């Protein structure tokens, strides 16, 4: 698997189309979540892409520095974590989260990352070192929780 982080300005149209289609496949078609995916944050984000050796996009996560995103704490965050069905249960999601946290902490010089996680993924994130920091709340009909990672 190869990993690459790109700012929005370096996404060619083919790559942008591919990552948006990937997010749609996972969040809308598989999970049935109807929400405004094009929320204005992609242009401010960095995009972490995981590709098979043949170039196929298998995983993705959007990285947002402090002050961007839906979290109001001023901490760096990530979201839109999505792994192709064929690549699940092989550790790719965890690797993307570890890489996202490492990059966000290095760039911010801070010690925390905060995310709004789909509530059903709480155990997944806990196993990666996150701590739940809120009660369950709703985003577009999907239960979420706030979680923090401390380095």
N, C-alpha and C. Protein backbone atom coordinates (compact mmCIF):
# COMPACT_ATOMS: atom_id res chain seq x y z
N UNK A 1 0.85 -1.18 0.00
CA UNK A 1 0.00 0.00 0.00
C UNK A 1 0.89 1.23 0.00
N UNK A 2 0.55 2.20 -0.81
CA UNK A 2 1.27 3.46 -0.81
C UNK A 2 0.34 4.55 -0.27
N UNK A 3 0.93 5.51 0.43
CA UNK A 3 0.17 6.59 1.06
C UNK A 3 0.70 7.92 0.54
N UNK A 4 -0.23 8.83 0.30
CA UNK A 4 0.16 10.15 -0.18
C UNK A 4 -0.79 11.19 0.40
N UNK A 5 -0.22 12.31 0.85
CA UNK A 5 -1.01 13.44 1.36
C UNK A 5 -0.90 14.57 0.36
N UNK A 6 -2.06 15.06 -0.08
CA UNK A 6 -2.09 16.13 -1.06
C UNK A 6 -3.02 17.26 -0.62
N UNK A 7 -2.61 18.51 -0.83
CA UNK A 7 -3.55 19.62 -0.63
C UNK A 7 -4.54 19.63 -1.79
N UNK A 8 -5.66 20.27 -1.59
CA UNK A 8 -6.70 20.36 -2.61
C UNK A 8 -6.14 20.88 -3.93
N UNK A 9 -5.27 21.87 -3.86
CA UNK A 9 -4.72 22.49 -5.07
C UNK A 9 -3.90 21.51 -5.92
N UNK A 10 -3.45 20.40 -5.33
CA UNK A 10 -2.65 19.43 -6.08
C UNK A 10 -3.46 18.21 -6.51
N UNK A 11 -4.77 18.22 -6.24
CA UNK A 11 -5.61 17.12 -6.69
C UNK A 11 -5.99 17.39 -8.15
N UNK A 12 -5.56 16.50 -9.04
CA UNK A 12 -6.00 16.68 -10.42
C UNK A 12 -7.47 16.25 -10.50
N UNK A 13 -8.13 16.58 -11.59
CA UNK A 13 -9.57 16.32 -11.68
C UNK A 13 -9.89 14.84 -11.56
N UNK A 14 -9.04 13.98 -12.11
CA UNK A 14 -9.28 12.55 -12.00
C UNK A 14 -9.21 12.06 -10.57
N UNK A 15 -8.22 12.53 -9.82
CA UNK A 15 -8.07 12.13 -8.41
C UNK A 15 -9.21 12.68 -7.58
N UNK A 16 -9.59 13.95 -7.81
CA UNK A 16 -10.72 14.52 -7.08
C UNK A 16 -11.99 13.72 -7.34
N UNK A 17 -12.27 13.42 -8.58
CA UNK A 17 -13.45 12.63 -8.92
C UNK A 17 -13.39 11.27 -8.21
N UNK A 18 -12.22 10.63 -8.24
CA UNK A 18 -12.04 9.31 -7.63
C UNK A 18 -12.30 9.35 -6.12
N UNK A 19 -11.77 10.36 -5.42
CA UNK A 19 -11.97 10.39 -3.96
C UNK A 19 -13.41 10.75 -3.61
N UNK A 20 -14.06 11.61 -4.38
CA UNK A 20 -15.46 11.93 -4.12
C UNK A 20 -16.35 10.71 -4.39
N UNK A 21 -16.06 9.98 -5.47
CA UNK A 21 -16.81 8.75 -5.76
C UNK A 21 -16.60 7.72 -4.65
N UNK A 22 -15.38 7.65 -4.13
CA UNK A 22 -15.06 6.73 -3.02
C UNK A 22 -15.89 7.07 -1.78
N UNK A 23 -15.93 8.35 -1.43
CA UNK A 23 -16.72 8.77 -0.27
C UNK A 23 -18.20 8.47 -0.49
N UNK A 24 -18.70 8.73 -1.70
CA UNK A 24 -20.10 8.45 -2.00
C UNK A 24 -20.39 6.95 -1.88
N UNK A 25 -19.50 6.14 -2.40
CA UNK A 25 -19.68 4.68 -2.34
C UNK A 25 -19.82 4.20 -0.90
N UNK A 26 -18.94 4.67 -0.03
CA UNK A 26 -18.93 4.20 1.35
C UNK A 26 -20.06 4.83 2.18
N UNK A 27 -20.16 6.15 2.16
CA UNK A 27 -21.10 6.83 3.06
C UNK A 27 -22.53 6.84 2.57
N UNK A 28 -22.74 7.05 1.28
CA UNK A 28 -24.10 7.17 0.76
C UNK A 28 -24.65 5.81 0.32
N UNK A 29 -23.94 5.14 -0.59
CA UNK A 29 -24.46 3.90 -1.14
C UNK A 29 -24.43 2.74 -0.14
N UNK A 30 -23.31 2.54 0.57
CA UNK A 30 -23.22 1.44 1.52
C UNK A 30 -23.96 1.73 2.82
N UNK A 31 -23.75 2.91 3.39
CA UNK A 31 -24.30 3.22 4.70
C UNK A 31 -25.65 3.93 4.65
N UNK A 32 -26.03 4.42 3.49
CA UNK A 32 -27.32 5.09 3.35
C UNK A 32 -27.41 6.45 4.03
N UNK A 33 -26.26 7.10 4.22
CA UNK A 33 -26.25 8.41 4.86
C UNK A 33 -26.43 9.50 3.81
N UNK A 34 -27.50 10.24 3.94
CA UNK A 34 -27.74 11.37 3.04
C UNK A 34 -27.33 12.62 3.81
N UNK A 35 -26.26 13.26 3.35
CA UNK A 35 -25.71 14.41 4.05
C UNK A 35 -24.96 15.27 3.03
N UNK A 36 -24.68 16.51 3.37
CA UNK A 36 -23.96 17.39 2.43
C UNK A 36 -22.46 17.10 2.45
N UNK A 37 -22.03 16.15 1.65
CA UNK A 37 -20.61 15.78 1.62
C UNK A 37 -19.74 16.94 1.14
N UNK A 38 -20.22 17.69 0.17
CA UNK A 38 -19.46 18.84 -0.33
C UNK A 38 -19.78 20.03 0.56
N UNK A 39 -19.02 20.12 1.64
CA UNK A 39 -19.32 21.04 2.73
C UNK A 39 -18.42 22.27 2.80
N UNK A 40 -17.55 22.44 1.81
CA UNK A 40 -16.66 23.60 1.80
C UNK A 40 -15.34 23.39 2.52
N UNK A 41 -15.13 22.25 3.15
CA UNK A 41 -13.88 22.03 3.89
C UNK A 41 -12.81 21.35 3.05
N UNK A 42 -13.19 20.73 1.94
CA UNK A 42 -12.19 20.03 1.13
C UNK A 42 -11.08 20.96 0.65
N UNK A 43 -11.43 22.19 0.32
CA UNK A 43 -10.44 23.13 -0.20
C UNK A 43 -9.41 23.52 0.85
N UNK A 44 -9.75 23.43 2.12
CA UNK A 44 -8.84 23.79 3.21
C UNK A 44 -8.10 22.58 3.78
N UNK A 45 -8.51 21.41 3.32
CA UNK A 45 -8.00 20.15 3.87
C UNK A 45 -6.80 19.64 3.11
N UNK A 46 -6.14 18.68 3.75
CA UNK A 46 -5.20 17.81 3.07
C UNK A 46 -5.90 16.47 2.92
N UNK A 47 -5.53 15.75 1.88
CA UNK A 47 -6.23 14.51 1.54
C UNK A 47 -5.23 13.36 1.55
N UNK A 48 -5.44 12.43 2.47
CA UNK A 48 -4.57 11.27 2.62
C UNK A 48 -5.19 10.11 1.85
N UNK A 49 -4.49 9.64 0.84
CA UNK A 49 -4.97 8.58 -0.03
C UNK A 49 -4.11 7.34 0.14
N UNK A 50 -4.76 6.19 0.23
CA UNK A 50 -4.06 4.91 0.30
C UNK A 50 -4.38 4.13 -0.96
N UNK A 51 -3.34 3.74 -1.68
CA UNK A 51 -3.52 3.05 -2.96
C UNK A 51 -2.82 1.69 -2.97
N UNK A 52 -3.47 0.75 -3.63
CA UNK A 52 -2.84 -0.55 -3.90
C UNK A 52 -1.69 -0.32 -4.87
N UNK A 53 -0.85 -1.30 -5.02
CA UNK A 53 0.28 -1.19 -5.94
C UNK A 53 -0.18 -0.92 -7.38
N UNK A 54 -1.39 -1.38 -7.74
CA UNK A 54 -1.89 -1.14 -9.09
C UNK A 54 -2.51 0.25 -9.26
N UNK A 55 -2.49 1.05 -8.19
CA UNK A 55 -3.02 2.41 -8.24
C UNK A 55 -4.45 2.56 -7.76
N UNK A 56 -5.12 1.47 -7.46
CA UNK A 56 -6.52 1.53 -7.01
C UNK A 56 -6.62 2.21 -5.65
N UNK A 57 -7.54 3.17 -5.54
CA UNK A 57 -7.79 3.85 -4.27
C UNK A 57 -8.52 2.90 -3.34
N UNK A 58 -7.92 2.59 -2.19
CA UNK A 58 -8.51 1.66 -1.23
C UNK A 58 -8.96 2.35 0.05
N UNK A 59 -8.34 3.48 0.39
CA UNK A 59 -8.69 4.18 1.61
C UNK A 59 -8.41 5.67 1.49
N UNK A 60 -9.09 6.41 2.35
CA UNK A 60 -9.02 7.86 2.27
C UNK A 60 -9.36 8.45 3.64
N UNK A 61 -8.75 9.60 3.94
CA UNK A 61 -9.14 10.39 5.11
C UNK A 61 -8.80 11.85 4.83
N UNK A 62 -9.67 12.73 5.31
CA UNK A 62 -9.50 14.17 5.11
C UNK A 62 -8.93 14.77 6.39
N UNK A 63 -7.82 15.51 6.26
CA UNK A 63 -7.12 16.11 7.41
C UNK A 63 -7.41 17.60 7.46
N UNK A 64 -7.82 18.08 8.63
CA UNK A 64 -8.13 19.49 8.81
C UNK A 64 -7.34 20.07 9.98
N UNK A 65 -6.64 21.19 9.76
CA UNK A 65 -5.88 21.81 10.84
C UNK A 65 -6.82 22.45 11.87
N UNK A 66 -6.26 22.82 12.99
CA UNK A 66 -7.03 23.50 14.04
C UNK A 66 -7.76 24.70 13.45
N UNK A 67 -8.99 24.89 13.87
CA UNK A 67 -9.78 26.01 13.40
C UNK A 67 -10.63 25.70 12.20
N UNK A 68 -10.41 24.55 11.58
CA UNK A 68 -11.23 24.12 10.46
C UNK A 68 -12.08 22.93 10.89
N UNK A 69 -13.18 22.74 10.22
CA UNK A 69 -14.02 21.59 10.51
C UNK A 69 -15.14 21.93 11.47
N UNK A 70 -15.87 20.90 11.83
CA UNK A 70 -17.06 21.08 12.64
C UNK A 70 -16.76 21.15 14.14
N UNK A 71 -15.61 20.63 14.55
CA UNK A 71 -15.25 20.65 15.96
C UNK A 71 -14.97 22.09 16.36
N UNK A 72 -15.48 22.49 17.49
CA UNK A 72 -15.35 23.88 17.92
C UNK A 72 -14.24 24.09 18.95
N UNK A 73 -13.44 23.07 19.20
CA UNK A 73 -12.42 23.14 20.25
C UNK A 73 -11.14 23.83 19.79
N UNK A 74 -10.97 24.02 18.50
CA UNK A 74 -9.72 24.59 18.01
C UNK A 74 -8.61 23.56 17.88
N UNK A 75 -8.94 22.28 17.95
CA UNK A 75 -7.94 21.23 17.80
C UNK A 75 -7.95 20.73 16.35
N UNK A 76 -6.82 20.20 15.88
CA UNK A 76 -6.82 19.60 14.56
C UNK A 76 -7.75 18.39 14.54
N UNK A 77 -8.24 18.05 13.37
CA UNK A 77 -9.21 16.97 13.25
C UNK A 77 -9.06 16.25 11.92
N UNK A 78 -9.72 15.15 11.80
CA UNK A 78 -9.82 14.45 10.52
C UNK A 78 -11.22 13.89 10.40
N UNK A 79 -11.58 13.55 9.18
CA UNK A 79 -12.90 12.98 8.95
C UNK A 79 -12.97 12.34 7.58
N UNK A 80 -14.16 11.89 7.25
CA UNK A 80 -14.42 11.22 5.97
C UNK A 80 -13.54 9.99 5.79
N UNK A 81 -13.15 9.37 6.92
CA UNK A 81 -12.37 8.13 6.85
C UNK A 81 -13.22 7.08 6.13
N UNK A 82 -12.69 6.55 5.04
CA UNK A 82 -13.44 5.57 4.25
C UNK A 82 -12.49 4.55 3.66
N UNK A 83 -12.83 3.28 3.84
CA UNK A 83 -12.03 2.17 3.31
C UNK A 83 -12.95 1.33 2.43
N UNK A 84 -12.46 0.96 1.25
CA UNK A 84 -13.22 0.10 0.34
C UNK A 84 -13.55 -1.21 1.04
N UNK A 85 -14.70 -1.72 0.73
CA UNK A 85 -15.17 -2.97 1.35
C UNK A 85 -14.14 -4.09 1.21
N UNK A 86 -13.51 -4.20 0.05
CA UNK A 86 -12.52 -5.26 -0.19
C UNK A 86 -11.27 -5.14 0.68
N UNK A 87 -11.02 -3.96 1.26
CA UNK A 87 -9.82 -3.74 2.06
C UNK A 87 -10.10 -3.69 3.56
N UNK A 88 -11.33 -3.93 3.95
CA UNK A 88 -11.67 -3.85 5.38
C UNK A 88 -11.19 -5.09 6.13
N UNK A 89 -11.06 -4.93 7.44
CA UNK A 89 -10.63 -6.00 8.35
C UNK A 89 -9.19 -6.43 8.09
N UNK A 90 -8.41 -5.53 7.49
CA UNK A 90 -7.00 -5.82 7.20
C UNK A 90 -6.07 -4.79 7.84
N UNK A 91 -6.64 -3.87 8.62
CA UNK A 91 -5.82 -2.88 9.32
C UNK A 91 -5.64 -1.56 8.60
N UNK A 92 -6.22 -1.40 7.41
CA UNK A 92 -6.03 -0.17 6.67
C UNK A 92 -6.66 1.03 7.36
N UNK A 93 -7.86 0.87 7.90
CA UNK A 93 -8.52 1.97 8.61
C UNK A 93 -7.67 2.45 9.78
N UNK A 94 -7.15 1.53 10.56
CA UNK A 94 -6.30 1.89 11.69
C UNK A 94 -5.02 2.58 11.23
N UNK A 95 -4.44 2.11 10.15
CA UNK A 95 -3.22 2.73 9.63
C UNK A 95 -3.50 4.16 9.16
N UNK A 96 -4.62 4.37 8.50
CA UNK A 96 -4.99 5.72 8.08
C UNK A 96 -5.17 6.65 9.28
N UNK A 97 -5.80 6.15 10.34
CA UNK A 97 -6.00 6.96 11.54
C UNK A 97 -4.66 7.28 12.19
N UNK A 98 -3.78 6.31 12.32
CA UNK A 98 -2.46 6.56 12.91
C UNK A 98 -1.69 7.60 12.11
N UNK A 99 -1.70 7.47 10.79
CA UNK A 99 -1.00 8.43 9.94
C UNK A 99 -1.63 9.81 10.04
N UNK A 100 -2.96 9.87 10.09
CA UNK A 100 -3.65 11.16 10.21
C UNK A 100 -3.27 11.84 11.52
N UNK A 101 -3.33 11.11 12.62
CA UNK A 101 -2.98 11.69 13.93
C UNK A 101 -1.54 12.14 13.97
N UNK A 102 -0.64 11.30 13.48
CA UNK A 102 0.79 11.64 13.49
C UNK A 102 1.03 12.93 12.70
N UNK A 103 0.46 13.03 11.50
CA UNK A 103 0.66 14.22 10.68
C UNK A 103 0.05 15.46 11.35
N UNK A 104 -1.19 15.35 11.84
CA UNK A 104 -1.84 16.50 12.47
C UNK A 104 -1.08 16.99 13.69
N UNK A 105 -0.58 16.07 14.51
CA UNK A 105 0.16 16.47 15.71
C UNK A 105 1.51 17.10 15.35
N UNK A 106 2.18 16.54 14.36
CA UNK A 106 3.46 17.12 13.93
C UNK A 106 3.26 18.52 13.37
N UNK A 107 2.26 18.70 12.55
CA UNK A 107 2.03 20.00 11.91
C UNK A 107 1.55 21.06 12.90
N UNK A 108 0.73 20.65 13.87
CA UNK A 108 0.17 21.62 14.82
C UNK A 108 1.12 21.89 15.98
N UNK A 109 2.03 20.96 16.24
CA UNK A 109 2.89 21.08 17.41
C UNK A 109 2.14 20.83 18.70
N UNK A 110 0.91 20.35 18.58
CA UNK A 110 0.07 20.10 19.75
C UNK A 110 0.15 18.67 20.22
N UNK A 111 -0.72 18.36 21.16
CA UNK A 111 -0.73 17.01 21.75
C UNK A 111 -2.09 16.33 21.63
N UNK A 112 -3.08 16.99 20.99
CA UNK A 112 -4.41 16.40 20.89
C UNK A 112 -4.99 16.54 19.49
N UNK A 113 -5.79 15.55 19.14
CA UNK A 113 -6.61 15.56 17.94
C UNK A 113 -8.03 15.26 18.41
N UNK A 114 -9.00 15.97 17.85
CA UNK A 114 -10.40 15.73 18.23
C UNK A 114 -11.21 15.40 16.98
N UNK A 115 -12.08 14.39 17.10
CA UNK A 115 -12.92 14.00 15.98
C UNK A 115 -14.37 13.86 16.43
N UNK A 116 -15.27 14.02 15.49
CA UNK A 116 -16.66 13.62 15.72
C UNK A 116 -16.80 12.29 14.98
N UNK A 117 -16.94 11.22 15.73
CA UNK A 117 -16.96 9.87 15.18
C UNK A 117 -18.38 9.34 15.13
N UNK A 118 -18.67 8.55 14.12
CA UNK A 118 -19.94 7.84 14.12
C UNK A 118 -19.93 6.95 15.36
N UNK A 119 -21.01 6.99 16.10
CA UNK A 119 -21.06 6.32 17.40
C UNK A 119 -20.75 4.82 17.32
N UNK A 120 -21.14 4.17 16.24
CA UNK A 120 -20.90 2.73 16.14
C UNK A 120 -19.40 2.40 16.00
N UNK A 121 -18.58 3.42 15.72
CA UNK A 121 -17.14 3.22 15.59
C UNK A 121 -16.36 3.55 16.87
N UNK A 122 -17.08 3.78 17.97
CA UNK A 122 -16.41 4.16 19.22
C UNK A 122 -15.36 3.12 19.63
N UNK A 123 -15.67 1.85 19.57
CA UNK A 123 -14.72 0.80 19.97
C UNK A 123 -13.47 0.82 19.07
N UNK A 124 -13.68 0.97 17.77
CA UNK A 124 -12.57 1.05 16.81
C UNK A 124 -11.60 2.16 17.21
N UNK A 125 -12.13 3.36 17.48
CA UNK A 125 -11.27 4.49 17.83
C UNK A 125 -10.65 4.31 19.22
N UNK A 126 -11.38 3.74 20.16
CA UNK A 126 -10.79 3.49 21.50
C UNK A 126 -9.58 2.59 21.39
N UNK A 127 -9.68 1.57 20.54
CA UNK A 127 -8.56 0.65 20.36
C UNK A 127 -7.33 1.34 19.77
N UNK A 128 -7.55 2.50 19.16
CA UNK A 128 -6.44 3.28 18.59
C UNK A 128 -5.97 4.39 19.53
N UNK A 129 -6.52 4.42 20.75
CA UNK A 129 -6.06 5.38 21.75
C UNK A 129 -6.95 6.58 21.97
N UNK A 130 -8.11 6.64 21.34
CA UNK A 130 -9.03 7.76 21.53
C UNK A 130 -9.86 7.56 22.80
N UNK A 131 -10.28 8.69 23.36
CA UNK A 131 -11.12 8.70 24.56
C UNK A 131 -12.40 9.45 24.21
N UNK A 132 -13.52 8.90 24.60
CA UNK A 132 -14.81 9.53 24.35
C UNK A 132 -14.93 10.78 25.21
N UNK A 133 -15.39 11.89 24.61
CA UNK A 133 -15.46 13.15 25.34
C UNK A 133 -16.83 13.82 25.27
N UNK A 134 -17.86 13.09 24.84
CA UNK A 134 -19.21 13.66 24.80
C UNK A 134 -20.25 12.56 24.86
N UNK A 135 -21.46 12.99 25.03
CA UNK A 135 -22.60 12.08 24.89
C UNK A 135 -22.87 11.94 23.39
N UNK A 136 -23.73 11.00 23.05
CA UNK A 136 -24.12 10.81 21.65
C UNK A 136 -24.96 11.99 21.20
N UNK A 137 -24.70 12.46 19.98
CA UNK A 137 -25.48 13.54 19.39
C UNK A 137 -25.71 13.21 17.92
N UNK A 138 -26.59 13.94 17.29
CA UNK A 138 -27.01 13.66 15.92
C UNK A 138 -26.35 14.60 14.91
N UNK A 139 -25.85 14.04 13.82
CA UNK A 139 -25.43 14.82 12.66
C UNK A 139 -26.13 14.20 11.45
N UNK A 140 -27.06 14.93 10.88
CA UNK A 140 -27.79 14.47 9.68
C UNK A 140 -28.41 13.09 9.87
N UNK A 141 -28.96 12.84 11.05
CA UNK A 141 -29.63 11.58 11.31
C UNK A 141 -28.72 10.43 11.70
N UNK A 142 -27.42 10.69 11.88
CA UNK A 142 -26.46 9.65 12.24
C UNK A 142 -25.91 9.95 13.63
N UNK A 143 -26.02 8.99 14.58
CA UNK A 143 -25.47 9.20 15.92
C UNK A 143 -23.94 9.34 15.88
N UNK A 144 -23.44 10.38 16.54
CA UNK A 144 -22.01 10.67 16.62
C UNK A 144 -21.60 10.90 18.07
N UNK A 145 -20.30 10.82 18.31
CA UNK A 145 -19.71 11.17 19.61
C UNK A 145 -18.41 11.93 19.34
N UNK A 146 -18.05 12.78 20.25
CA UNK A 146 -16.75 13.45 20.18
C UNK A 146 -15.73 12.55 20.86
N UNK A 147 -14.55 12.47 20.27
CA UNK A 147 -13.47 11.67 20.82
C UNK A 147 -12.18 12.45 20.67
N UNK A 148 -11.26 12.25 21.63
CA UNK A 148 -9.96 12.92 21.59
C UNK A 148 -8.84 11.89 21.65
N UNK A 149 -7.79 12.23 20.93
CA UNK A 149 -6.56 11.44 20.94
C UNK A 149 -5.48 12.30 21.57
N UNK A 150 -4.78 11.75 22.55
CA UNK A 150 -3.69 12.46 23.24
C UNK A 150 -2.39 11.75 22.91
N UNK A 151 -1.40 12.52 22.46
CA UNK A 151 -0.11 11.88 22.14
C UNK A 151 0.70 11.66 23.40
